[in-house]
Amino acid sequence: MERTLVGVDLGGTKIEGAAIRVDDAGDLEVVVRERRPTLRDDGYEAVLDRVAALVRDVCDAASLSVATAPIGVGTPG
């Protein structure tokens, strides 16, 4: 069964999100990939807002529901 997953890489200078399709053989296909600056000097809440907006945009572009899409997040530290 083919599935599409969302991954987020939160870094000090950039936030990158991708929707990745995985087929039965385990082969991967990047469906959507977006990158934005973290703007960490804007504060914690602003960074969280940017991550949430990125996840919504990636899900929308990949025709996924943000409420049900499997999402993984990698963070620094």
PDB file of N, CA and C in Angstrom:
ATOM      1  N   MET A   1       0.837  -1.180   0.000  1.00  0.00           N
ATOM      2  CA  MET A   1       0.000   0.000   0.000  1.00  0.00           C
ATOM      3  C   MET A   1       0.887   1.249   0.000  1.00  0.00           C
ATOM      4  N   GLU A   2       0.619   2.143  -0.889  1.00  0.00           N
ATOM      5  CA  GLU A   2       1.376   3.378  -0.995  1.00  0.00           C
ATOM      6  C   GLU A   2       0.909   4.372   0.068  1.00  0.00           C
ATOM      7  N   ARG A   3       1.867   5.062   0.703  1.00  0.00           N
ATOM      8  CA  ARG A   3       1.547   6.079   1.724  1.00  0.00           C
ATOM      9  C   ARG A   3       2.347   7.332   1.452  1.00  0.00           C
ATOM     10  N   THR A   4       1.794   8.454   1.870  1.00  0.00           N
ATOM     11  CA  THR A   4       2.519   9.718   1.786  1.00  0.00           C
ATOM     12  C   THR A   4       2.711  10.246   3.197  1.00  0.00           C
ATOM     13  N   LEU A   5       3.955  10.543   3.532  1.00  0.00           N
ATOM     14  CA  LEU A   5       4.342  11.006   4.856  1.00  0.00           C
ATOM     15  C   LEU A   5       4.892  12.422   4.756  1.00  0.00           C
ATOM     16  N   VAL A   6       4.835  13.166   5.857  1.00  0.00           N
ATOM     17  CA  VAL A   6       5.374  14.521   5.892  1.00  0.00           C
ATOM     18  C   VAL A   6       6.525  14.552   6.888  1.00  0.00           C
ATOM     19  N   GLY A   7       7.629  15.144   6.471  1.00  0.00           N
ATOM     20  CA  GLY A   7       8.778  15.301   7.348  1.00  0.00           C
ATOM     21  C   GLY A   7       9.159  16.768   7.446  1.00  0.00           C
ATOM     22  N   VAL A   8       9.590  17.171   8.637  1.00  0.00           N
ATOM     23  CA  VAL A   8      10.009  18.553   8.873  1.00  0.00           C
ATOM     24  C   VAL A   8      11.394  18.535   9.508  1.00  0.00           C
ATOM     25  N   ASP A   9      12.291  19.335   8.958  1.00  0.00           N
ATOM     26  CA  ASP A   9      13.628  19.513   9.521  1.00  0.00           C
ATOM     27  C   ASP A   9      13.708  20.943  10.047  1.00  0.00           C
ATOM     28  N   LEU A  10      13.700  21.088  11.363  1.00  0.00           N
ATOM     29  CA  LEU A  10      13.774  22.408  11.991  1.00  0.00           C
ATOM     30  C   LEU A  10      15.213  22.676  12.372  1.00  0.00           C
ATOM     31  N   GLY A  11      15.801  23.663  11.733  1.00  0.00           N
ATOM     32  CA  GLY A  11      17.179  24.014  12.026  1.00  0.00           C
ATOM     33  C   GLY A  11      17.299  25.450  12.488  1.00  0.00           C
ATOM     34  N   GLY A  12      18.491  25.846  12.827  1.00  0.00           N
ATOM     35  CA  GLY A  12      18.730  27.191  13.322  1.00  0.00           C
ATOM     36  C   GLY A  12      18.569  28.266  12.272  1.00  0.00           C
ATOM     37  N   THR A  13      18.774  27.913  10.992  1.00  0.00           N
ATOM     38  CA  THR A  13      18.671  28.919   9.935  1.00  0.00           C
ATOM     39  C   THR A  13      17.548  28.633   8.946  1.00  0.00           C
ATOM     40  N   LYS A  14      17.109  27.369   8.863  1.00  0.00           N
ATOM     41  CA  LYS A  14      16.049  27.043   7.909  1.00  0.00           C
ATOM     42  C   LYS A  14      15.108  25.987   8.480  1.00  0.00           C
ATOM     43  N   ILE A  15      13.898  26.009   7.952  1.00  0.00           N
ATOM     44  CA  ILE A  15      12.910  24.964   8.211  1.00  0.00           C
ATOM     45  C   ILE A  15      12.583  24.369   6.857  1.00  0.00           C
ATOM     46  N   GLU A  16      12.707  23.056   6.734  1.00  0.00           N
ATOM     47  CA  GLU A  16      12.403  22.409   5.474  1.00  0.00           C
ATOM     48  C   GLU A  16      11.328  21.364   5.712  1.00  0.00           C
ATOM     49  N   GLY A  17      10.366  21.324   4.817  1.00  0.00           N
ATOM     50  CA  GLY A  17       9.305  20.338   4.913  1.00  0.00           C
ATOM     51  C   GLY A  17       9.163  19.613   3.594  1.00  0.00           C
ATOM     52  N   ALA A  18       8.767  18.343   3.663  1.00  0.00           N
ATOM     53  CA  ALA A  18       8.585  17.558   2.446  1.00  0.00           C
ATOM     54  C   ALA A  18       7.476  16.543   2.650  1.00  0.00           C
ATOM     55  N   ALA A  19       6.750  16.289   1.578  1.00  0.00           N
ATOM     56  CA  ALA A  19       5.808  15.176   1.524  1.00  0.00           C
ATOM     57  C   ALA A  19       6.485  14.109   0.673  1.00  0.00           C
ATOM     58  N   ILE A  20       6.574  12.902   1.219  1.00  0.00           N
ATOM     59  CA  ILE A  20       7.310  11.824   0.568  1.00  0.00           C
ATOM     60  C   ILE A  20       6.395  10.616   0.423  1.00  0.00           C
ATOM     61  N   ARG A  21       6.287  10.122  -0.793  1.00  0.00           N
ATOM     62  CA  ARG A  21       5.474   8.944  -1.077  1.00  0.00           C
ATOM     63  C   ARG A  21       6.356   7.700  -0.968  1.00  0.00           C
ATOM     64  N   VAL A  22       5.858   6.704  -0.253  1.00  0.00           N
ATOM     65  CA  VAL A  22       6.559   5.434  -0.072  1.00  0.00           C
ATOM     66  C   VAL A  22       5.692   4.331  -0.667  1.00  0.00           C
ATOM     67  N   ASP A  23       6.267   3.544  -1.593  1.00  0.00           N
ATOM     68  CA  ASP A  23       5.480   2.465  -2.180  1.00  0.00           C
ATOM     69  C   ASP A  23       5.758   1.135  -1.472  1.00  0.00           C
ATOM     70  N   ASP A  24       5.120   0.078  -1.944  1.00  0.00           N
ATOM     71  CA  ASP A  24       5.232  -1.237  -1.300  1.00  0.00           C
ATOM     72  C   ASP A  24       6.659  -1.772  -1.287  1.00  0.00           C
ATOM     73  N   ALA A  25       7.463  -1.387  -2.261  1.00  0.00           N
ATOM     74  CA  ALA A  25       8.849  -1.850  -2.335  1.00  0.00           C
ATOM     75  C   ALA A  25       9.779  -1.022  -1.457  1.00  0.00           C
ATOM     76  N   GLY A  26       9.236   0.040  -0.834  1.00  0.00           N
ATOM     77  CA  GLY A  26      10.053   0.912  -0.004  1.00  0.00           C
ATOM     78  C   GLY A  26      10.725   2.032  -0.778  1.00  0.00           C
ATOM     79  N   ASP A  27      10.374   2.176  -2.054  1.00  0.00           N
ATOM     80  CA  ASP A  27      10.936   3.257  -2.857  1.00  0.00           C
ATOM     81  C   ASP A  27      10.290   4.580  -2.462  1.00  0.00           C
ATOM     82  N   LEU A  28      11.093   5.637  -2.472  1.00  0.00           N
ATOM     83  CA  LEU A  28      10.640   6.954  -2.045  1.00  0.00           C
ATOM     84  C   LEU A  28      10.557   7.910  -3.226  1.00  0.00           C
ATOM     85  N   GLU A  29       9.544   8.776  -3.185  1.00  0.00           N
ATOM     86  CA  GLU A  29       9.410   9.832  -4.182  1.00  0.00           C
ATOM     87  C   GLU A  29       9.036  11.120  -3.447  1.00  0.00           C
ATOM     88  N   VAL A  30       9.825  12.158  -3.632  1.00  0.00           N
ATOM     89  CA  VAL A  30       9.498  13.452  -3.031  1.00  0.00           C
ATOM     90  C   VAL A  30       8.384  14.075  -3.857  1.00  0.00           C
ATOM     91  N   VAL A  31       7.250  14.322  -3.218  1.00  0.00           N
ATOM     92  CA  VAL A  31       6.088  14.892  -3.885  1.00  0.00           C
ATOM     93  C   VAL A  31       6.134  16.415  -3.817  1.00  0.00           C
ATOM     94  N   VAL A  32       6.474  16.941  -2.646  1.00  0.00           N
ATOM     95  CA  VAL A  32       6.537  18.380  -2.408  1.00  0.00           C
ATOM     96  C   VAL A  32       7.719  18.635  -1.482  1.00  0.00           C
ATOM     97  N   ARG A  33       8.426  19.730  -1.725  1.00  0.00           N
ATOM     98  CA  ARG A  33       9.528  20.113  -0.836  1.00  0.00           C
ATOM     99  C   ARG A  33       9.563  21.629  -0.755  1.00  0.00           C
ATOM    100  N   GLU A  34       9.548  22.145   0.466  1.00  0.00           N
ATOM    101  CA  GLU A  34       9.582  23.589   0.671  1.00  0.00           C
ATOM    102  C   GLU A  34      10.598  23.930   1.752  1.00  0.00           C
ATOM    103  N   ARG A  35      11.216  25.083   1.588  1.00  0.00           N
ATOM    104  CA  ARG A  35      12.215  25.554   2.552  1.00  0.00           C
ATOM    105  C   ARG A  35      11.932  27.013   2.880  1.00  0.00           C
ATOM    106  N   ARG A  36      12.062  27.336   4.179  1.00  0.00           N
ATOM    107  CA  ARG A  36      11.853  28.711   4.644  1.00  0.00           C
ATOM    108  C   ARG A  36      12.885  29.050   5.703  1.00  0.00           C
ATOM    109  N   PRO A  37      13.208  30.327   5.846  1.00  0.00           N
ATOM    110  CA  PRO A  37      14.125  30.706   6.922  1.00  0.00           C
ATOM    111  C   PRO A  37      13.445  30.529   8.283  1.00  0.00           C
ATOM    112  N   THR A  38      14.221  30.148   9.277  1.00  0.00           N
ATOM    113  CA  THR A  38      13.688  29.941  10.629  1.00  0.00           C
ATOM    114  C   THR A  38      13.328  31.260  11.300  1.00  0.00           C
ATOM    115  N   LEU A  39      14.150  32.278  11.109  1.00  0.00           N
ATOM    116  CA  LEU A  39      13.955  33.584  11.751  1.00  0.00           C
ATOM    117  C   LEU A  39      13.856  33.431  13.270  1.00  0.00           C
ATOM    118  N   ARG A  40      14.826  32.713  13.836  1.00  0.00           N
ATOM    119  CA  ARG A  40      14.796  32.394  15.265  1.00  0.00           C
ATOM    120  C   ARG A  40      14.844  33.633  16.161  1.00  0.00           C
ATOM    121  N   ASP A  41      15.383  34.733  15.665  1.00  0.00           N
ATOM    122  CA  ASP A  41      15.426  35.961  16.467  1.00  0.00           C
ATOM    123  C   ASP A  41      14.037  36.556  16.699  1.00  0.00           C
ATOM    124  N   ASP A  42      13.049  36.066  15.935  1.00  0.00           N
ATOM    125  CA  ASP A  42      11.665  36.522  16.124  1.00  0.00           C
ATOM    126  C   ASP A  42      11.006  35.867  17.338  1.00  0.00           C
ATOM    127  N   GLY A  43      11.653  34.850  17.904  1.00  0.00           N
ATOM    128  CA  GLY A  43      11.139  34.217  19.113  1.00  0.00           C
ATOM    129  C   GLY A  43      10.469  32.873  18.878  1.00  0.00           C
ATOM    130  N   TYR A  44      10.264  32.197  19.992  1.00  0.00           N
ATOM    131  CA  TYR A  44       9.734  30.831  20.017  1.00  0.00           C
ATOM    132  C   TYR A  44       8.381  30.714  19.317  1.00  0.00           C
ATOM    133  N   GLU A  45       7.444  31.574  19.679  1.00  0.00           N
ATOM    134  CA  GLU A  45       6.088  31.509  19.103  1.00  0.00           C
ATOM    135  C   GLU A  45       6.122  31.711  17.594  1.00  0.00           C
ATOM    136  N   ALA A  46       6.953  32.630  17.131  1.00  0.00           N
ATOM    137  CA  ALA A  46       7.052  32.895  15.695  1.00  0.00           C
ATOM    138  C   ALA A  46       7.608  31.681  14.951  1.00  0.00           C
ATOM    139  N   VAL A  47       8.580  31.002  15.550  1.00  0.00           N
ATOM    140  CA  VAL A  47       9.137  29.801  14.924  1.00  0.00           C
ATOM    141  C   VAL A  47       8.072  28.709  14.853  1.00  0.00           C
ATOM    142  N   LEU A  48       7.329  28.511  15.947  1.00  0.00           N
ATOM    143  CA  LEU A  48       6.244  27.522  15.928  1.00  0.00           C
ATOM    144  C   LEU A  48       5.206  27.855  14.861  1.00  0.00           C
ATOM    145  N   ASP A  49       4.861  29.123  14.737  1.00  0.00           N
ATOM    146  CA  ASP A  49       3.908  29.539  13.711  1.00  0.00           C
ATOM    147  C   ASP A  49       4.433  29.239  12.313  1.00  0.00           C
ATOM    148  N   ARG A  50       5.735  29.450  12.103  1.00  0.00           N
ATOM    149  CA  ARG A  50       6.328  29.174  10.787  1.00  0.00           C
ATOM    150  C   ARG A  50       6.325  27.681  10.480  1.00  0.00           C
ATOM    151  N   VAL A  51       6.606  26.852  11.499  1.00  0.00           N
ATOM    152  CA  VAL A  51       6.572  25.398  11.302  1.00  0.00           C
ATOM    153  C   VAL A  51       5.147  24.957  10.962  1.00  0.00           C
ATOM    154  N   ALA A  52       4.169  25.442  11.711  1.00  0.00           N
ATOM    155  CA  ALA A  52       2.775  25.073  11.465  1.00  0.00           C
ATOM    156  C   ALA A  52       2.329  25.494  10.066  1.00  0.00           C
ATOM    157  N   ALA A  53       2.690  26.695   9.648  1.00  0.00           N
ATOM    158  CA  ALA A  53       2.318  27.171   8.314  1.00  0.00           C
ATOM    159  C   ALA A  53       2.979  26.319   7.229  1.00  0.00           C
ATOM    160  N   LEU A  54       4.228  25.941   7.442  1.00  0.00           N
ATOM    161  CA  LEU A  54       4.933  25.097   6.479  1.00  0.00           C
ATOM    162  C   LEU A  54       4.252  23.741   6.361  1.00  0.00           C
ATOM    163  N   VAL A  55       3.892  23.131   7.484  1.00  0.00           N
ATOM    164  CA  VAL A  55       3.215  21.830   7.456  1.00  0.00           C
ATOM    165  C   VAL A  55       1.880  21.945   6.715  1.00  0.00           C
ATOM    166  N   ARG A  56       1.113  22.988   7.009  1.00  0.00           N
ATOM    167  CA  ARG A  56      -0.166  23.183   6.304  1.00  0.00           C
ATOM    168  C   ARG A  56       0.058  23.326   4.800  1.00  0.00           C
ATOM    169  N   ASP A  57       1.050  24.115   4.404  1.00  0.00           N
ATOM    170  CA  ASP A  57       1.311  24.343   2.981  1.00  0.00           C
ATOM    171  C   ASP A  57       1.766  23.076   2.271  1.00  0.00           C
ATOM    172  N   VAL A  58       2.639  22.298   2.917  1.00  0.00           N
ATOM    173  CA  VAL A  58       3.102  21.038   2.322  1.00  0.00           C
ATOM    174  C   VAL A  58       1.931  20.066   2.186  1.00  0.00           C
ATOM    175  N   CYS A  59       1.113  19.961   3.219  1.00  0.00           N
ATOM    176  CA  CYS A  59      -0.051  19.066   3.155  1.00  0.00           C
ATOM    177  C   CYS A  59      -1.005  19.505   2.051  1.00  0.00           C
ATOM    178  N   ASP A  60      -1.278  20.799   1.970  1.00  0.00           N
ATOM    179  CA  ASP A  60      -2.163  21.299   0.914  1.00  0.00           C
ATOM    180  C   ASP A  60      -1.617  20.968  -0.470  1.00  0.00           C
ATOM    181  N   ALA A  61      -0.327  21.208  -0.681  1.00  0.00           N
ATOM    182  CA  ALA A  61       0.288  20.964  -1.987  1.00  0.00           C
ATOM    183  C   ALA A  61       0.291  19.484  -2.357  1.00  0.00           C
ATOM    184  N   ALA A  62       0.314  18.619  -1.348  1.00  0.00           N
ATOM    185  CA  ALA A  62       0.333  17.173  -1.592  1.00  0.00           C
ATOM    186  C   ALA A  62      -1.062  16.563  -1.489  1.00  0.00           C
ATOM    187  N   SER A  63      -2.088  17.404  -1.321  1.00  0.00           N
ATOM    188  CA  SER A  63      -3.476  16.950  -1.166  1.00  0.00           C
ATOM    189  C   SER A  63      -3.643  15.999   0.016  1.00  0.00           C
ATOM    190  N   LEU A  64      -3.008  16.358   1.131  1.00  0.00           N
ATOM    191  CA  LEU A  64      -3.115  15.591   2.370  1.00  0.00           C
ATOM    192  C   LEU A  64      -3.899  16.396   3.401  1.00  0.00           C
ATOM    193  N   SER A  65      -4.565  15.704   4.297  1.00  0.00           N
ATOM    194  CA  SER A  65      -5.212  16.370   5.421  1.00  0.00           C
ATOM    195  C   SER A  65      -4.193  16.558   6.529  1.00  0.00           C
ATOM    196  N   VAL A  66      -4.015  17.785   6.972  1.00  0.00           N
ATOM    197  CA  VAL A  66      -3.066  18.055   8.049  1.00  0.00           C
ATOM    198  C   VAL A  66      -3.515  17.359   9.345  1.00  0.00           C
ATOM    199  N   ALA A  67      -4.798  17.079   9.475  1.00  0.00           N
ATOM    200  CA  ALA A  67      -5.329  16.429  10.677  1.00  0.00           C
ATOM    201  C   ALA A  67      -4.985  14.945  10.737  1.00  0.00           C
ATOM    202  N   THR A  68      -4.737  14.323   9.591  1.00  0.00           N
ATOM    203  CA  THR A  68      -4.512  12.868   9.585  1.00  0.00           C
ATOM    204  C   THR A  68      -3.189  12.434   8.975  1.00  0.00           C
ATOM    205  N   ALA A  69      -2.439  13.361   8.385  1.00  0.00           N
ATOM    206  CA  ALA A  69      -1.168  12.999   7.741  1.00  0.00           C
ATOM    207  C   ALA A  69      -0.137  12.604   8.793  1.00  0.00           C
ATOM    208  N   PRO A  70       0.603  11.518   8.555  1.00  0.00           N
ATOM    209  CA  PRO A  70       1.708  11.173   9.460  1.00  0.00           C
ATOM    210  C   PRO A  70       2.815  12.226   9.290  1.00  0.00           C
ATOM    211  N   ILE A  71       3.239  12.835  10.421  1.00  0.00           N
ATOM    212  CA  ILE A  71       4.221  13.915  10.373  1.00  0.00           C
ATOM    213  C   ILE A  71       5.349  13.600  11.354  1.00  0.00           C
ATOM    214  N   GLY A  72       6.584  13.697  10.865  1.00  0.00           N
ATOM    215  CA  GLY A  72       7.758  13.537  11.702  1.00  0.00           C
ATOM    216  C   GLY A  72       8.544  14.836  11.720  1.00  0.00           C
ATOM    217  N   VAL A  73       9.113  15.160  12.875  1.00  0.00           N
ATOM    218  CA  VAL A  73       9.856  16.407  13.017  1.00  0.00           C
ATOM    219  C   VAL A  73      11.238  16.115  13.609  1.00  0.00           C
ATOM    220  N   GLY A  74      12.263  16.642  12.935  1.00  0.00           N
ATOM    221  CA  GLY A  74      13.621  16.585  13.469  1.00  0.00           C
ATOM    222  C   GLY A  74      14.003  17.953  13.978  1.00  0.00           C
ATOM    223  N   THR A  75      14.567  18.006  15.184  1.00  0.00           N
ATOM    224  CA  THR A  75      14.929  19.290  15.796  1.00  0.00           C
ATOM    225  C   THR A  75      16.386  19.278  16.206  1.00  0.00           C
ATOM    226  N   PRO A  76      16.990  20.452  16.346  1.00  0.00           N
ATOM    227  CA  PRO A  76      18.377  20.509  16.785  1.00  0.00           C
ATOM    228  C   PRO A  76      18.516  20.155  18.256  1.00  0.00           C
ATOM    229  N   GLY A  77      19.688  19.683  18.615  1.00  0.00           N
ATOM    230  CA  GLY A  77      19.995  19.421  20.025  1.00  0.00           C
ATOM    231  C   GLY A  77      19.562  18.092  20.457  1.00  0.00           C
TER     232      GLY A  77
END
